[in-house]
PDB file of N, CA and C in Angstrom:
ATOM      1  N   UNK A   1      79.444  99.810 146.560  1.00  0.00           N
ATOM      2  CA  UNK A   1      80.207 100.534 147.150  1.00  0.00           C
ATOM      3  C   UNK A   1      80.917 101.288 146.028  1.00  0.00           C
ATOM      4  N   UNK A   2      80.687 102.882 145.923  1.00  0.00           N
ATOM      5  CA  UNK A   2      82.256 102.440 145.599  1.00  0.00           C
ATOM      6  C   UNK A   2      83.547 103.171 146.943  1.00  0.00           C
ATOM      7  N   UNK A   3      84.741 102.573 145.961  1.00  0.00           N
ATOM      8  CA  UNK A   3      85.585 103.111 147.331  1.00  0.00           C
ATOM      9  C   UNK A   3      86.046 104.602 147.421  1.00  0.00           C
ATOM     10  N   UNK A   4      85.507 105.753 145.936  1.00  0.00           N
ATOM     11  CA  UNK A   4      85.832 107.649 146.091  1.00  0.00           C
ATOM     12  C   UNK A   4      84.699 107.903 145.122  1.00  0.00           C
ATOM     13  N   UNK A   5      84.028 108.619 146.164  1.00  0.00           N
ATOM     14  CA  UNK A   5      82.507 108.510 145.231  1.00  0.00           C
ATOM     15  C   UNK A   5      83.114 110.344 144.892  1.00  0.00           C
ATOM     16  N   UNK A   6      83.014 111.185 144.088  1.00  0.00           N
ATOM     17  CA  UNK A   6      83.510 112.698 144.393  1.00  0.00           C
ATOM     18  C   UNK A   6      81.187 112.819 143.694  1.00  0.00           C
ATOM     19  N   UNK A   7      80.709 113.782 144.326  1.00  0.00           N
ATOM     20  CA  UNK A   7      79.444 113.607 143.781  1.00  0.00           C
ATOM     21  C   UNK A   7      79.020 115.253 143.524  1.00  0.00           C
ATOM     22  N   UNK A   8      78.865 116.421 142.918  1.00  0.00           N
ATOM     23  CA  UNK A   8      77.970 117.633 142.526  1.00  0.00           C
ATOM     24  C   UNK A   8      79.710 118.071 142.854  1.00  0.00           C
ATOM     25  N   UNK A   9      80.651 118.215 142.880  1.00  0.00           N
ATOM     26  CA  UNK A   9      81.847 118.272 143.538  1.00  0.00           C
ATOM     27  C   UNK A   9      83.215 119.750 142.759  1.00  0.00           C
ATOM     28  N   UNK A  10      82.701 121.177 142.696  1.00  0.00           N
ATOM     29  CA  UNK A  10      83.213 122.241 142.152  1.00  0.00           C
ATOM     30  C   UNK A  10      84.553 123.088 143.685  1.00  0.00           C
ATOM     31  N   UNK A  11      85.029 122.929 142.547  1.00  0.00           N
ATOM     32  CA  UNK A  11      86.610 124.041 142.930  1.00  0.00           C
ATOM     33  C   UNK A  11      86.991 125.251 141.949  1.00  0.00           C
ATOM     34  N   UNK A  12      87.169 126.367 142.830  1.00  0.00           N
ATOM     35  CA  UNK A  12      87.562 126.956 142.228  1.00  0.00           C
ATOM     36  C   UNK A  12      88.071 128.276 142.798  1.00  0.00           C
ATOM     37  N   UNK A  13      89.708 128.356 142.281  1.00  0.00           N
ATOM     38  CA  UNK A  13      90.556 129.692 142.202  1.00  0.00           C
ATOM     39  C   UNK A  13      90.385 130.860 142.101  1.00  0.00           C
ATOM     40  N   UNK A  14      90.134 132.354 142.978  1.00  0.00           N
ATOM     41  CA  UNK A  14      89.490 133.538 142.898  1.00  0.00           C
ATOM     42  C   UNK A  14      88.475 133.338 141.439  1.00  0.00           C
ATOM     43  N   UNK A  15      88.361 133.885 140.643  1.00  0.00           N
ATOM     44  CA  UNK A  15      87.536 134.012 139.813  1.00  0.00           C
ATOM     45  C   UNK A  15      87.552 132.790 138.392  1.00  0.00           C
ATOM     46  N   UNK A  16      88.728 131.835 138.447  1.00  0.00           N
ATOM     47  CA  UNK A  16      88.772 130.935 137.732  1.00  0.00           C
ATOM     48  C   UNK A  16      88.264 129.478 138.154  1.00  0.00           C
ATOM     49  N   UNK A  17      86.918 128.862 137.925  1.00  0.00           N
ATOM     50  CA  UNK A  17      86.490 127.945 137.951  1.00  0.00           C
ATOM     51  C   UNK A  17      86.695 126.738 137.553  1.00  0.00           C
ATOM     52  N   UNK A  18      87.933 125.822 138.567  1.00  0.00           N
ATOM     53  CA  UNK A  18      88.235 124.847 137.470  1.00  0.00           C
ATOM     54  C   UNK A  18      87.646 123.357 137.921  1.00  0.00           C
ATOM     55  N   UNK A  19      87.139 123.383 138.026  1.00  0.00           N
ATOM     56  CA  UNK A  19      85.596 122.059 138.593  1.00  0.00           C
ATOM     57  C   UNK A  19      84.468 122.268 138.376  1.00  0.00           C
ATOM     58  N   UNK A  20      83.244 122.337 137.994  1.00  0.00           N
ATOM     59  CA  UNK A  20      82.408 122.681 138.551  1.00  0.00           C
ATOM     60  C   UNK A  20      81.382 121.139 138.109  1.00  0.00           C
ATOM     61  N   UNK A  21      80.590 121.263 139.145  1.00  0.00           N
ATOM     62  CA  UNK A  21      79.860 120.378 139.129  1.00  0.00           C
ATOM     63  C   UNK A  21      79.738 118.781 139.139  1.00  0.00           C
ATOM     64  N   UNK A  22      81.210 118.313 138.686  1.00  0.00           N
ATOM     65  CA  UNK A  22      81.816 117.118 138.304  1.00  0.00           C
ATOM     66  C   UNK A  22      81.340 115.554 139.454  1.00  0.00           C
ATOM     67  N   UNK A  23      80.836 114.464 138.887  1.00  0.00           N
ATOM     68  CA  UNK A  23      80.675 113.477 139.590  1.00  0.00           C
ATOM     69  C   UNK A  23      81.984 111.853 139.429  1.00  0.00           C
ATOM     70  N   UNK A  24      81.983 111.782 140.144  1.00  0.00           N
ATOM     71  CA  UNK A  24      83.529 110.986 139.946  1.00  0.00           C
ATOM     72  C   UNK A  24      84.025 109.976 140.213  1.00  0.00           C
ATOM     73  N   UNK A  25      83.354 108.347 140.569  1.00  0.00           N
ATOM     74  CA  UNK A  25      83.235 107.569 141.337  1.00  0.00           C
ATOM     75  C   UNK A  25      84.086 106.188 141.042  1.00  0.00           C
ATOM     76  N   UNK A  26      84.947 105.351 141.497  1.00  0.00           N
ATOM     77  CA  UNK A  26      86.410 104.167 141.692  1.00  0.00           C
ATOM     78  C   UNK A  26      85.808 102.871 142.206  1.00  0.00           C
ATOM     79  N   UNK A  27      84.883 102.148 141.783  1.00  0.00           N
ATOM     80  CA  UNK A  27      84.159 100.570 142.308  1.00  0.00           C
ATOM     81  C   UNK A  27      85.870 100.191 142.846  1.00  0.00           C
ATOM     82  N   UNK A  28      86.070  98.696 143.624  1.00  0.00           N
ATOM     83  CA  UNK A  28      86.981  97.744 144.173  1.00  0.00           C
ATOM     84  C   UNK A  28      86.862  97.458 142.381  1.00  0.00           C
ATOM     85  N   UNK A  29      88.534  96.939 142.025  1.00  0.00           N
ATOM     86  CA  UNK A  29      88.463  96.447 140.814  1.00  0.00           C
ATOM     87  C   UNK A  29      88.377  97.378 139.083  1.00  0.00           C
ATOM     88  N   UNK A  30      88.389  98.516 139.976  1.00  0.00           N
ATOM     89  CA  UNK A  30      88.116  99.140 138.254  1.00  0.00           C
ATOM     90  C   UNK A  30      89.499 100.107 138.489  1.00  0.00           C
ATOM     91  N   UNK A  31      89.658 100.636 136.619  1.00  0.00           N
ATOM     92  CA  UNK A  31      91.589 101.048 137.122  1.00  0.00           C
ATOM     93  C   UNK A  31      90.229 101.944 135.869  1.00  0.00           C
ATOM     94  N   UNK A  32      91.473 103.637 136.203  1.00  0.00           N
ATOM     95  CA  UNK A  32      90.531 104.795 135.952  1.00  0.00           C
ATOM     96  C   UNK A  32      91.920 105.436 135.029  1.00  0.00           C
ATOM     97  N   UNK A  33      91.807 105.917 134.045  1.00  0.00           N
ATOM     98  CA  UNK A  33      92.613 107.462 133.333  1.00  0.00           C
ATOM     99  C   UNK A  33      92.196 108.376 133.523  1.00  0.00           C
ATOM    100  N   UNK A  34      92.689 109.822 134.161  1.00  0.00           N
ATOM    101  CA  UNK A  34      92.528 110.869 134.155  1.00  0.00           C
ATOM    102  C   UNK A  34      92.993 111.476 133.436  1.00  0.00           C
ATOM    103  N   UNK A  35      92.487 112.149 132.405  1.00  0.00           N
ATOM    104  CA  UNK A  35      93.566 113.070 130.784  1.00  0.00           C
ATOM    105  C   UNK A  35      93.003 114.033 130.060  1.00  0.00           C
ATOM    106  N   UNK A  36      93.228 115.193 130.054  1.00  0.00           N
ATOM    107  CA  UNK A  36      93.079 116.224 129.454  1.00  0.00           C
ATOM    108  C   UNK A  36      94.452 117.561 129.535  1.00  0.00           C
ATOM    109  N   UNK A  37      94.111 118.620 128.976  1.00  0.00           N
ATOM    110  CA  UNK A  37      94.842 119.448 129.041  1.00  0.00           C
ATOM    111  C   UNK A  37      95.270 120.498 130.051  1.00  0.00           C
ATOM    112  N   UNK A  38      96.516 121.070 129.738  1.00  0.00           N
ATOM    113  CA  UNK A  38      97.497 121.483 130.831  1.00  0.00           C
ATOM    114  C   UNK A  38      96.193 122.141 131.131  1.00  0.00           C
ATOM    115  N   UNK A  39      96.477 122.579 132.592  1.00  0.00           N
ATOM    116  CA  UNK A  39      94.941 124.158 133.268  1.00  0.00           C
ATOM    117  C   UNK A  39      94.214 123.461 133.844  1.00  0.00           C
ATOM    118  N   UNK A  40      93.666 122.106 133.175  1.00  0.00           N
ATOM    119  CA  UNK A  40      92.861 121.334 133.200  1.00  0.00           C
ATOM    120  C   UNK A  40      91.519 120.687 134.713  1.00  0.00           C
ATOM    121  N   UNK A  41      92.598 120.995 135.640  1.00  0.00           N
ATOM    122  CA  UNK A  41      91.897 120.102 136.962  1.00  0.00           C
ATOM    123  C   UNK A  41      92.296 119.469 137.279  1.00  0.00           C
ATOM    124  N   UNK A  42      93.606 118.751 136.272  1.00  0.00           N
ATOM    125  CA  UNK A  42      94.007 117.143 137.055  1.00  0.00           C
ATOM    126  C   UNK A  42      94.572 116.718 138.150  1.00  0.00           C
ATOM    127  N   UNK A  43      95.824 117.417 138.474  1.00  0.00           N
ATOM    128  CA  UNK A  43      96.145 117.659 140.229  1.00  0.00           C
ATOM    129  C   UNK A  43      94.820 117.892 140.624  1.00  0.00           C
ATOM    130  N   UNK A  44      94.315 119.199 140.294  1.00  0.00           N
ATOM    131  CA  UNK A  44      93.138 120.048 141.453  1.00  0.00           C
ATOM    132  C   UNK A  44      92.098 118.355 141.893  1.00  0.00           C
ATOM    133  N   UNK A  45      92.338 117.297 140.733  1.00  0.00           N
ATOM    134  CA  UNK A  45      90.640 116.558 141.062  1.00  0.00           C
ATOM    135  C   UNK A  45      91.550 115.666 142.285  1.00  0.00           C
ATOM    136  N   UNK A  46      93.115 114.969 141.339  1.00  0.00           N
ATOM    137  CA  UNK A  46      93.537 113.666 142.441  1.00  0.00           C
ATOM    138  C   UNK A  46      93.985 114.101 143.479  1.00  0.00           C
ATOM    139  N   UNK A  47      94.081 115.335 143.716  1.00  0.00           N
ATOM    140  CA  UNK A  47      94.607 116.588 145.524  1.00  0.00           C
ATOM    141  C   UNK A  47      93.362 116.529 146.084  1.00  0.00           C
ATOM    142  N   UNK A  48      92.099 116.368 145.703  1.00  0.00           N
ATOM    143  CA  UNK A  48      91.258 116.356 146.839  1.00  0.00           C
ATOM    144  C   UNK A  48      91.088 114.822 146.813  1.00  0.00           C
ATOM    145  N   UNK A  49      90.523 114.150 146.033  1.00  0.00           N
ATOM    146  CA  UNK A  49      90.126 112.933 145.768  1.00  0.00           C
ATOM    147  C   UNK A  49      91.660 112.275 147.193  1.00  0.00           C
ATOM    148  N   UNK A  50      92.948 113.195 147.015  1.00  0.00           N
ATOM    149  CA  UNK A  50      93.858 112.386 148.473  1.00  0.00           C
ATOM    150  C   UNK A  50      93.209 113.253 149.579  1.00  0.00           C
ATOM    151  N   UNK A  51      92.682 113.738 148.773  1.00  0.00           N
ATOM    152  CA  UNK A  51      91.985 114.901 150.895  1.00  0.00           C
ATOM    153  C   UNK A  51      92.549 115.698 150.865  1.00  0.00           C
ATOM    154  N   UNK A  52      93.970 116.028 149.859  1.00  0.00           N
ATOM    155  CA  UNK A  52      94.917 117.480 150.374  1.00  0.00           C
ATOM    156  C   UNK A  52      94.546 118.612 150.168  1.00  0.00           C
ATOM    157  N   UNK A  53      93.823 118.340 149.195  1.00  0.00           N
ATOM    158  CA  UNK A  53      93.028 119.911 148.543  1.00  0.00           C
ATOM    159  C   UNK A  53      92.107 119.820 149.478  1.00  0.00           C
ATOM    160  N   UNK A  54      91.145 121.337 150.043  1.00  0.00           N
ATOM    161  CA  UNK A  54      89.420 121.791 149.961  1.00  0.00           C
ATOM    162  C   UNK A  54      88.882 121.619 148.852  1.00  0.00           C
ATOM    163  N   UNK A  55      87.482 121.378 148.890  1.00  0.00           N
ATOM    164  CA  UNK A  55      86.223 122.402 147.367  1.00  0.00           C
ATOM    165  C   UNK A  55      85.610 122.600 148.028  1.00  0.00           C
ATOM    166  N   UNK A  56      84.869 123.898 147.398  1.00  0.00           N
ATOM    167  CA  UNK A  56      83.798 124.981 147.303  1.00  0.00           C
ATOM    168  C   UNK A  56      82.647 124.217 147.603  1.00  0.00           C
ATOM    169  N   UNK A  57      82.063 122.874 146.929  1.00  0.00           N
ATOM    170  CA  UNK A  57      80.658 122.303 146.995  1.00  0.00           C
ATOM    171  C   UNK A  57      80.898 121.457 146.580  1.00  0.00           C
ATOM    172  N   UNK A  58      79.967 120.339 147.137  1.00  0.00           N
ATOM    173  CA  UNK A  58      79.495 118.817 146.621  1.00  0.00           C
ATOM    174  C   UNK A  58      79.889 118.354 147.916  1.00  0.00           C
ATOM    175  N   UNK A  59      79.969 116.909 147.401  1.00  0.00           N
ATOM    176  CA  UNK A  59      80.684 116.028 148.606  1.00  0.00           C
ATOM    177  C   UNK A  59      81.487 114.697 148.361  1.00  0.00           C
ATOM    178  N   UNK A  60      82.258 114.895 149.191  1.00  0.00           N
ATOM    179  CA  UNK A  60      83.637 113.717 148.651  1.00  0.00           C
ATOM    180  C   UNK A  60      83.362 112.065 150.284  1.00  0.00           C
ATOM    181  N   UNK A  61      83.126 111.273 149.187  1.00  0.00           N
ATOM    182  CA  UNK A  61      82.467 110.441 150.003  1.00  0.00           C
ATOM    183  C   UNK A  61      84.229 108.624 149.886  1.00  0.00           C
ATOM    184  N   UNK A  62      84.331 108.398 150.923  1.00  0.00           N
ATOM    185  CA  UNK A  62      85.387 107.533 150.703  1.00  0.00           C
ATOM    186  C   UNK A  62      85.882 106.737 151.744  1.00  0.00           C
ATOM    187  N   UNK A  63      86.028 105.397 151.138  1.00  0.00           N
ATOM    188  CA  UNK A  63      85.812 104.531 152.599  1.00  0.00           C
ATOM    189  C   UNK A  63      86.423 104.206 153.340  1.00  0.00           C
ATOM    190  N   UNK A  64      86.286 104.231 154.338  1.00  0.00           N
ATOM    191  CA  UNK A  64      87.026 103.944 155.403  1.00  0.00           C
ATOM    192  C   UNK A  64      88.983 103.094 155.609  1.00  0.00           C
ATOM    193  N   UNK A  65      89.140 103.492 156.128  1.00  0.00           N
ATOM    194  CA  UNK A  65      91.033 102.929 156.012  1.00  0.00           C
ATOM    195  C   UNK A  65      91.636 102.679 154.593  1.00  0.00           C
ATOM    196  N   UNK A  66      91.101 103.348 153.894  1.00  0.00           N
ATOM    197  CA  UNK A  66      91.219 103.972 151.945  1.00  0.00           C
ATOM    198  C   UNK A  66      92.922 104.562 152.157  1.00  0.00           C
ATOM    199  N   UNK A  67      93.445 103.714 151.684  1.00  0.00           N
ATOM    200  CA  UNK A  67      94.756 103.940 150.988  1.00  0.00           C
ATOM    201  C   UNK A  67      94.873 104.842 150.349  1.00  0.00           C
ATOM    202  N   UNK A  68      94.628 106.092 149.412  1.00  0.00           N
ATOM    203  CA  UNK A  68      95.125 106.851 148.351  1.00  0.00           C
ATOM    204  C   UNK A  68      96.713 107.525 148.468  1.00  0.00           C
ATOM    205  N   UNK A  69      97.509 106.841 147.045  1.00  0.00           N
ATOM    206  CA  UNK A  69      98.247 107.277 147.264  1.00  0.00           C
ATOM    207  C   UNK A  69      98.463 107.892 145.404  1.00  0.00           C
ATOM    208  N   UNK A  70      99.332 108.948 145.502  1.00  0.00           N
ATOM    209  CA  UNK A  70      98.996 109.791 143.284  1.00  0.00           C
ATOM    210  C   UNK A  70     101.103 109.057 143.962  1.00  0.00           C
ATOM    211  N   UNK A  71     101.308 109.080 142.508  1.00  0.00           N
ATOM    212  CA  UNK A  71     102.754 109.036 141.766  1.00  0.00           C
ATOM    213  C   UNK A  71     103.444 110.251 140.549  1.00  0.00           C
TER     214      UNK A  71
END
């Protein structure tokens, strides 16, 4: 089972769609990097993973008692 699972997730700000139906997961022991151009949605994605920002569509599944932090 994934520690974090995002399924068909979408996020828009007014008419500007930042994330469109993305799938993302991290399993125990995995490491990852999120790279992209400025304004590409990297911080938005991380805030959604943390649970501090709502999304428009899709599902966010996080294993219970998981502490998600961002530097």
